[in-house]
């Protein structure tokens, strides 16, 4: 099967498929005498797994680890579940950080009159001229959320 057919079956671009191959994430496809890659159903399956893992929040490296686990004959579902639970905790932390960011930004936009005046509470808060803590987020929370 040609790369374009694999792309259609997996929903990935040909560039992404080549990238995953270059990174060693998928089993290398056989190359015909003319140099063209010859993909099999196995490649489609591997690529779909990576794509789906990415869609639920796993990084590329984590997706590769899951794919490697799926190939392991001594696979234990407990190992996979532990990784999924860890990812769930990360997602919950990100949701909490985003909620804090949203609350702060809502407070800032509500404090700003949005008129023709040059004084802007949003700019003042971002500069540090006013206290971020007074609107519900400390500077350490602000910087923690944006650094992740």
C-alpha atoms as a PDB file:
ATOM      1  CA  UNK A   1       0.000   0.000   0.000  1.00  0.00           C
ATOM      2  CA  UNK A   2       1.314   3.469  -0.870  1.00  0.00           C
ATOM      3  CA  UNK A   3       1.768   6.232   1.693  1.00  0.00           C
ATOM      4  CA  UNK A   4      -1.189   8.224   0.346  1.00  0.00           C
ATOM      5  CA  UNK A   5      -3.495   5.263   0.959  1.00  0.00           C
ATOM      6  CA  UNK A   6      -2.163   4.921   4.491  1.00  0.00           C
ATOM      7  CA  UNK A   7      -2.741   8.624   5.038  1.00  0.00           C
ATOM      8  CA  UNK A   8      -6.356   8.287   3.937  1.00  0.00           C
ATOM      9  CA  UNK A   9      -6.927   5.277   6.212  1.00  0.00           C
ATOM     10  CA  UNK A  10      -5.312   6.851   9.281  1.00  0.00           C
ATOM     11  CA  UNK A  11      -6.293  10.500   8.939  1.00  0.00           C
ATOM     12  CA  UNK A  12      -2.622  11.504   9.128  1.00  0.00           C
ATOM     13  CA  UNK A  13      -0.693  13.477   6.564  1.00  0.00           C
ATOM     14  CA  UNK A  14       2.023  11.836   4.509  1.00  0.00           C
ATOM     15  CA  UNK A  15       4.495  14.223   6.142  1.00  0.00           C
ATOM     16  CA  UNK A  16       3.444  13.021   9.608  1.00  0.00           C
ATOM     17  CA  UNK A  17       3.731   9.383   8.557  1.00  0.00           C
ATOM     18  CA  UNK A  18       7.256   9.982   7.259  1.00  0.00           C
ATOM     19  CA  UNK A  19       8.126  11.833  10.466  1.00  0.00           C
ATOM     20  CA  UNK A  20       6.899   8.936  12.628  1.00  0.00           C
ATOM     21  CA  UNK A  21       8.883   6.537  10.456  1.00  0.00           C
ATOM     22  CA  UNK A  22      12.012   8.711  10.703  1.00  0.00           C
ATOM     23  CA  UNK A  23      11.649   8.815  14.511  1.00  0.00           C
ATOM     24  CA  UNK A  24      11.422   5.024  14.601  1.00  0.00           C
ATOM     25  CA  UNK A  25       7.904   5.012  16.025  1.00  0.00           C
ATOM     26  CA  UNK A  26       6.519   2.571  13.503  1.00  0.00           C
ATOM     27  CA  UNK A  27       7.917  -0.604  12.062  1.00  0.00           C
ATOM     28  CA  UNK A  28       9.991   0.364   9.018  1.00  0.00           C
ATOM     29  CA  UNK A  29       8.059  -0.400   5.835  1.00  0.00           C
ATOM     30  CA  UNK A  30       9.558  -2.557   3.126  1.00  0.00           C
ATOM     31  CA  UNK A  31      11.100  -0.568   0.289  1.00  0.00           C
ATOM     32  CA  UNK A  32      10.509  -1.688  -3.265  1.00  0.00           C
ATOM     33  CA  UNK A  33      13.313  -1.661  -5.826  1.00  0.00           C
ATOM     34  CA  UNK A  34      12.150   1.772  -6.966  1.00  0.00           C
ATOM     35  CA  UNK A  35      12.564   3.106  -3.379  1.00  0.00           C
ATOM     36  CA  UNK A  36       8.853   3.458  -2.675  1.00  0.00           C
ATOM     37  CA  UNK A  37       7.662   2.427   0.749  1.00  0.00           C
ATOM     38  CA  UNK A  38       5.290  -0.532   0.835  1.00  0.00           C
ATOM     39  CA  UNK A  39       3.015  -0.249   3.862  1.00  0.00           C
ATOM     40  CA  UNK A  40       0.996  -3.102   5.340  1.00  0.00           C
ATOM     41  CA  UNK A  41      -2.043  -3.344   7.610  1.00  0.00           C
ATOM     42  CA  UNK A  42       0.366  -3.467  10.560  1.00  0.00           C
ATOM     43  CA  UNK A  43       1.566   0.057   9.733  1.00  0.00           C
ATOM     44  CA  UNK A  44      -1.982   1.357   9.521  1.00  0.00           C
ATOM     45  CA  UNK A  45      -2.698  -0.179  12.927  1.00  0.00           C
ATOM     46  CA  UNK A  46       0.435   1.312  14.486  1.00  0.00           C
ATOM     47  CA  UNK A  47      -0.278   4.748  13.043  1.00  0.00           C
ATOM     48  CA  UNK A  48      -3.900   4.655  14.178  1.00  0.00           C
ATOM     49  CA  UNK A  49      -2.799   3.766  17.683  1.00  0.00           C
ATOM     50  CA  UNK A  50      -0.347   6.671  17.792  1.00  0.00           C
ATOM     51  CA  UNK A  51      -2.967   9.062  16.410  1.00  0.00           C
ATOM     52  CA  UNK A  52      -5.609   7.961  18.917  1.00  0.00           C
ATOM     53  CA  UNK A  53      -3.157   8.119  21.818  1.00  0.00           C
ATOM     54  CA  UNK A  54      -2.304  11.684  20.795  1.00  0.00           C
ATOM     55  CA  UNK A  55      -5.992  12.578  20.577  1.00  0.00           C
ATOM     56  CA  UNK A  56      -6.554  11.607  24.228  1.00  0.00           C
ATOM     57  CA  UNK A  57      -3.581  13.642  25.406  1.00  0.00           C
ATOM     58  CA  UNK A  58      -0.524  11.417  25.344  1.00  0.00           C
ATOM     59  CA  UNK A  59       2.672  13.035  24.106  1.00  0.00           C
ATOM     60  CA  UNK A  60       4.457  11.589  21.109  1.00  0.00           C
ATOM     61  CA  UNK A  61       6.989   9.921  23.394  1.00  0.00           C
ATOM     62  CA  UNK A  62       4.231   8.482  25.588  1.00  0.00           C
ATOM     63  CA  UNK A  63       2.397   7.276  22.484  1.00  0.00           C
ATOM     64  CA  UNK A  64       5.559   5.527  21.311  1.00  0.00           C
ATOM     65  CA  UNK A  65       5.885   3.889  24.732  1.00  0.00           C
ATOM     66  CA  UNK A  66       2.292   2.659  24.537  1.00  0.00           C
ATOM     67  CA  UNK A  67       2.910   1.293  21.050  1.00  0.00           C
ATOM     68  CA  UNK A  68       6.013  -0.513  22.331  1.00  0.00           C
ATOM     69  CA  UNK A  69       3.968  -1.915  25.214  1.00  0.00           C
ATOM     70  CA  UNK A  70       1.352  -3.172  22.760  1.00  0.00           C
ATOM     71  CA  UNK A  71       4.071  -5.139  20.962  1.00  0.00           C
ATOM     72  CA  UNK A  72       5.391  -6.652  24.201  1.00  0.00           C
ATOM     73  CA  UNK A  73       4.273 -10.272  24.633  1.00  0.00           C
ATOM     74  CA  UNK A  74       4.461  -9.844  28.411  1.00  0.00           C
ATOM     75  CA  UNK A  75       2.063  -6.878  28.308  1.00  0.00           C
ATOM     76  CA  UNK A  76       0.168  -6.292  31.534  1.00  0.00           C
ATOM     77  CA  UNK A  77      -2.933  -4.153  31.383  1.00  0.00           C
ATOM     78  CA  UNK A  78      -1.980  -2.809  34.839  1.00  0.00           C
ATOM     79  CA  UNK A  79       1.035  -1.080  33.238  1.00  0.00           C
ATOM     80  CA  UNK A  80      -1.137   0.566  30.613  1.00  0.00           C
ATOM     81  CA  UNK A  81      -3.777   1.547  33.165  1.00  0.00           C
ATOM     82  CA  UNK A  82      -1.137   3.171  35.390  1.00  0.00           C
ATOM     83  CA  UNK A  83       0.026   5.305  32.469  1.00  0.00           C
ATOM     84  CA  UNK A  84      -3.537   6.274  31.600  1.00  0.00           C
ATOM     85  CA  UNK A  85      -4.295   7.195  35.202  1.00  0.00           C
ATOM     86  CA  UNK A  86      -1.148   9.303  35.358  1.00  0.00           C
ATOM     87  CA  UNK A  87      -2.213  11.085  32.173  1.00  0.00           C
ATOM     88  CA  UNK A  88      -5.664  11.694  33.693  1.00  0.00           C
ATOM     89  CA  UNK A  89      -4.037  13.368  36.697  1.00  0.00           C
ATOM     90  CA  UNK A  90      -1.963  15.581  34.383  1.00  0.00           C
ATOM     91  CA  UNK A  91      -5.081  16.555  32.448  1.00  0.00           C
ATOM     92  CA  UNK A  92      -6.922  17.377  35.697  1.00  0.00           C
ATOM     93  CA  UNK A  93      -4.005  19.613  36.747  1.00  0.00           C
ATOM     94  CA  UNK A  94      -4.069  21.395  33.396  1.00  0.00           C
ATOM     95  CA  UNK A  95      -7.827  21.895  33.651  1.00  0.00           C
ATOM     96  CA  UNK A  96      -7.385  23.433  37.118  1.00  0.00           C
ATOM     97  CA  UNK A  97      -4.636  25.727  35.810  1.00  0.00           C
ATOM     98  CA  UNK A  98      -6.788  26.786  32.863  1.00  0.00           C
ATOM     99  CA  UNK A  99      -9.743  27.424  35.183  1.00  0.00           C
ATOM    100  CA  UNK A 100      -7.537  29.666  37.367  1.00  0.00           C
ATOM    101  CA  UNK A 101      -6.293  31.504  34.283  1.00  0.00           C
ATOM    102  CA  UNK A 102      -9.860  31.974  33.078  1.00  0.00           C
ATOM    103  CA  UNK A 103     -11.018  33.299  36.461  1.00  0.00           C
ATOM    104  CA  UNK A 104      -8.153  35.777  36.541  1.00  0.00           C
ATOM    105  CA  UNK A 105      -8.710  36.929  32.982  1.00  0.00           C
ATOM    106  CA  UNK A 106     -12.446  37.324  33.625  1.00  0.00           C
ATOM    107  CA  UNK A 107     -11.692  39.455  36.686  1.00  0.00           C
ATOM    108  CA  UNK A 108      -9.257  41.555  34.681  1.00  0.00           C
ATOM    109  CA  UNK A 109     -11.697  42.126  31.831  1.00  0.00           C
ATOM    110  CA  UNK A 110     -14.465  43.006  34.295  1.00  0.00           C
ATOM    111  CA  UNK A 111     -12.160  45.512  36.015  1.00  0.00           C
ATOM    112  CA  UNK A 112     -11.348  47.207  32.729  1.00  0.00           C
ATOM    113  CA  UNK A 113     -13.846  49.837  31.587  1.00  0.00           C
ATOM    114  CA  UNK A 114     -12.842  49.334  27.968  1.00  0.00           C
ATOM    115  CA  UNK A 115     -13.266  53.007  27.232  1.00  0.00           C
ATOM    116  CA  UNK A 116     -11.076  55.565  25.492  1.00  0.00           C
ATOM    117  CA  UNK A 117      -9.040  56.215  28.624  1.00  0.00           C
ATOM    118  CA  UNK A 118      -5.321  55.361  28.580  1.00  0.00           C
ATOM    119  CA  UNK A 119      -5.485  53.772  32.036  1.00  0.00           C
ATOM    120  CA  UNK A 120      -6.104  50.034  31.704  1.00  0.00           C
ATOM    121  CA  UNK A 121      -6.361  47.682  34.700  1.00  0.00           C
ATOM    122  CA  UNK A 122      -5.416  44.721  32.496  1.00  0.00           C
ATOM    123  CA  UNK A 123      -2.129  46.308  31.418  1.00  0.00           C
ATOM    124  CA  UNK A 124      -1.478  47.465  35.008  1.00  0.00           C
ATOM    125  CA  UNK A 125      -1.986  43.939  36.345  1.00  0.00           C
ATOM    126  CA  UNK A 126       0.176  42.369  33.633  1.00  0.00           C
ATOM    127  CA  UNK A 127       2.936  44.916  34.286  1.00  0.00           C
ATOM    128  CA  UNK A 128       2.716  44.226  37.993  1.00  0.00           C
ATOM    129  CA  UNK A 129       1.606  47.793  38.747  1.00  0.00           C
ATOM    130  CA  UNK A 130      -1.420  46.341  40.543  1.00  0.00           C
ATOM    131  CA  UNK A 131      -1.574  43.239  42.691  1.00  0.00           C
ATOM    132  CA  UNK A 132      -2.441  40.050  40.777  1.00  0.00           C
ATOM    133  CA  UNK A 133      -3.236  38.434  44.128  1.00  0.00           C
ATOM    134  CA  UNK A 134      -6.112  40.849  44.674  1.00  0.00           C
ATOM    135  CA  UNK A 135      -7.933  39.337  41.732  1.00  0.00           C
ATOM    136  CA  UNK A 136      -7.619  35.739  42.806  1.00  0.00           C
ATOM    137  CA  UNK A 137      -4.262  34.472  41.549  1.00  0.00           C
ATOM    138  CA  UNK A 138      -0.797  34.822  42.961  1.00  0.00           C
ATOM    139  CA  UNK A 139       2.195  35.554  40.796  1.00  0.00           C
ATOM    140  CA  UNK A 140       3.585  32.071  41.468  1.00  0.00           C
ATOM    141  CA  UNK A 141       0.320  30.481  40.258  1.00  0.00           C
ATOM    142  CA  UNK A 142       0.326  32.724  37.216  1.00  0.00           C
ATOM    143  CA  UNK A 143       3.874  31.823  36.295  1.00  0.00           C
ATOM    144  CA  UNK A 144       3.377  28.122  37.127  1.00  0.00           C
ATOM    145  CA  UNK A 145       0.394  27.875  34.821  1.00  0.00           C
ATOM    146  CA  UNK A 146       2.123  29.551  31.907  1.00  0.00           C
ATOM    147  CA  UNK A 147       5.389  27.621  32.318  1.00  0.00           C
ATOM    148  CA  UNK A 148       3.792  24.211  31.868  1.00  0.00           C
END
